[in-house]
Amino acid sequence: MGPAKRLGRDAGLPAAGGAGRGVRLGTGGHRLLILAFGVAPAATLKPFSYLQIAFATLLGGAVFGLWPDGWSLAGMAVIAASGATAVWLDVREAPQPGRAAGARGR
């Protein structure tokens, strides 16, 4: 069996049309995210970026039958916890309406 046969459909690679659709969808999704950053603050949009990890995991399991091992899940948890902490700190330090900047009340 030659290299062309190994890299074709037998290897589970998408046909050229499927790859083109994937590129267009990915490009469109990133373009919408870039436009969203022009409208909303990063602290509001960042959780949507972390959802990519969850959806990629579910899609990889559903389509290809590949589920992450324990180390991968631990890494994903660290990334998600870091992102959630960053968002929490941004929201906590944001000025509250009706409060003077820099004033800390209880």
Protein backbone atom coordinates (compact mmCIF):
# COMPACT_ATOMS: atom_id res chain seq x y z
CA MET A 1 0.00 0.00 0.00
CA GLY A 2 1.49 3.35 -1.05
CA PRO A 3 1.60 6.55 0.99
CA ALA A 4 -1.30 8.06 -0.95
CA LYS A 5 -3.56 5.16 0.05
CA ARG A 6 -2.55 5.43 3.72
CA LEU A 7 -3.38 9.15 3.78
CA GLY A 8 -6.74 8.82 2.04
CA ARG A 9 -10.11 7.80 3.39
CA ASP A 10 -8.64 4.75 5.11
CA ALA A 11 -6.81 7.03 7.55
CA GLY A 12 -10.05 8.79 8.52
CA LEU A 13 -9.09 12.11 6.97
CA PRO A 14 -11.92 14.25 5.57
CA ALA A 15 -12.34 14.73 1.86
CA ALA A 16 -11.20 18.04 0.39
CA GLY A 17 -14.76 19.43 0.49
CA GLY A 18 -15.13 18.60 4.19
CA ALA A 19 -11.81 20.20 5.02
CA GLY A 20 -12.80 23.33 3.10
CA ARG A 21 -16.05 23.60 5.04
CA GLY A 22 -14.15 23.21 8.29
CA VAL A 23 -11.76 25.98 7.34
CA ARG A 24 -14.62 28.30 6.38
CA LEU A 25 -16.53 27.58 9.60
CA GLY A 26 -13.43 28.07 11.73
CA THR A 27 -12.53 31.30 9.98
CA GLY A 28 -16.10 32.58 10.34
CA GLY A 29 -16.21 31.69 14.03
CA HIS A 30 -12.94 33.46 14.75
CA ARG A 31 -14.08 36.51 12.78
CA LEU A 32 -17.25 36.72 14.88
CA LEU A 33 -15.19 36.42 18.07
CA ILE A 34 -12.90 39.25 16.92
CA LEU A 35 -15.94 41.42 16.18
CA ALA A 36 -17.39 40.58 19.60
CA PHE A 37 -14.20 41.82 21.30
CA GLY A 38 -14.89 45.20 19.70
CA VAL A 39 -18.33 45.36 21.31
CA ALA A 40 -17.98 43.69 24.73
CA PRO A 41 -15.23 43.56 27.35
CA ALA A 42 -12.83 40.61 27.35
CA ALA A 43 -14.00 39.47 30.79
CA THR A 44 -17.45 38.91 29.34
CA LEU A 45 -16.28 36.99 26.27
CA LYS A 46 -13.45 34.87 27.68
CA PRO A 47 -15.72 32.14 29.11
CA PHE A 48 -16.94 31.46 25.56
CA SER A 49 -13.37 30.75 24.52
CA TYR A 50 -13.06 28.17 27.28
CA LEU A 51 -16.22 26.48 26.02
CA GLN A 52 -14.19 25.48 22.95
CA ILE A 53 -12.35 22.96 25.13
CA ALA A 54 -15.59 21.34 26.25
CA PHE A 55 -17.10 21.23 22.77
CA ALA A 56 -13.89 19.91 21.20
CA THR A 57 -13.80 17.15 23.81
CA LEU A 58 -17.43 16.18 23.22
CA LEU A 59 -17.08 16.35 19.45
CA GLY A 60 -13.88 14.30 19.49
CA GLY A 61 -15.58 11.65 21.59
CA ALA A 62 -18.81 11.58 19.61
CA VAL A 63 -17.30 11.66 16.13
CA PHE A 64 -13.97 9.87 16.51
CA GLY A 65 -14.52 7.87 19.70
CA LEU A 66 -11.46 9.51 21.28
CA TRP A 67 -11.95 10.55 24.89
CA PRO A 68 -9.27 12.31 26.93
CA ASP A 69 -7.33 10.44 29.59
CA GLY A 70 -7.00 11.55 33.21
CA TRP A 71 -3.98 13.79 32.60
CA SER A 72 -5.76 15.58 29.77
CA LEU A 73 -8.84 16.11 31.91
CA ALA A 74 -6.66 17.44 34.73
CA GLY A 75 -5.01 19.88 32.30
CA MET A 76 -8.38 21.04 31.02
CA ALA A 77 -9.54 21.58 34.61
CA VAL A 78 -6.45 23.70 35.37
CA ILE A 79 -7.03 25.82 32.25
CA ALA A 80 -10.73 26.28 33.05
CA ALA A 81 -10.03 27.11 36.70
CA SER A 82 -7.37 29.66 35.68
CA GLY A 83 -9.77 31.30 33.25
CA ALA A 84 -12.60 31.37 35.77
CA THR A 85 -10.29 32.90 38.38
CA ALA A 86 -9.12 35.58 35.93
CA VAL A 87 -12.71 36.48 35.06
CA TRP A 88 -13.69 36.54 38.74
CA LEU A 89 -10.79 38.86 39.58
CA ASP A 90 -11.67 41.17 36.67
CA VAL A 91 -15.30 41.38 37.74
CA ARG A 92 -14.41 41.83 41.40
CA GLU A 93 -12.00 44.70 40.66
CA ALA A 94 -14.30 46.44 38.17
CA PRO A 95 -15.72 49.75 39.42
CA GLN A 96 -19.23 49.38 40.77
CA PRO A 97 -21.93 51.83 39.66
CA GLY A 98 -22.56 54.48 42.29
CA ARG A 99 -19.17 53.97 43.98
CA ALA A 100 -16.15 56.25 43.82
CA ALA A 101 -13.19 54.72 42.02
CA GLY A 102 -10.75 53.20 44.49
CA ALA A 103 -13.23 53.21 47.41
CA ARG A 104 -13.58 49.88 49.14
CA GLY A 105 -16.77 49.47 51.09
CA ARG A 106 -18.44 46.51 52.68
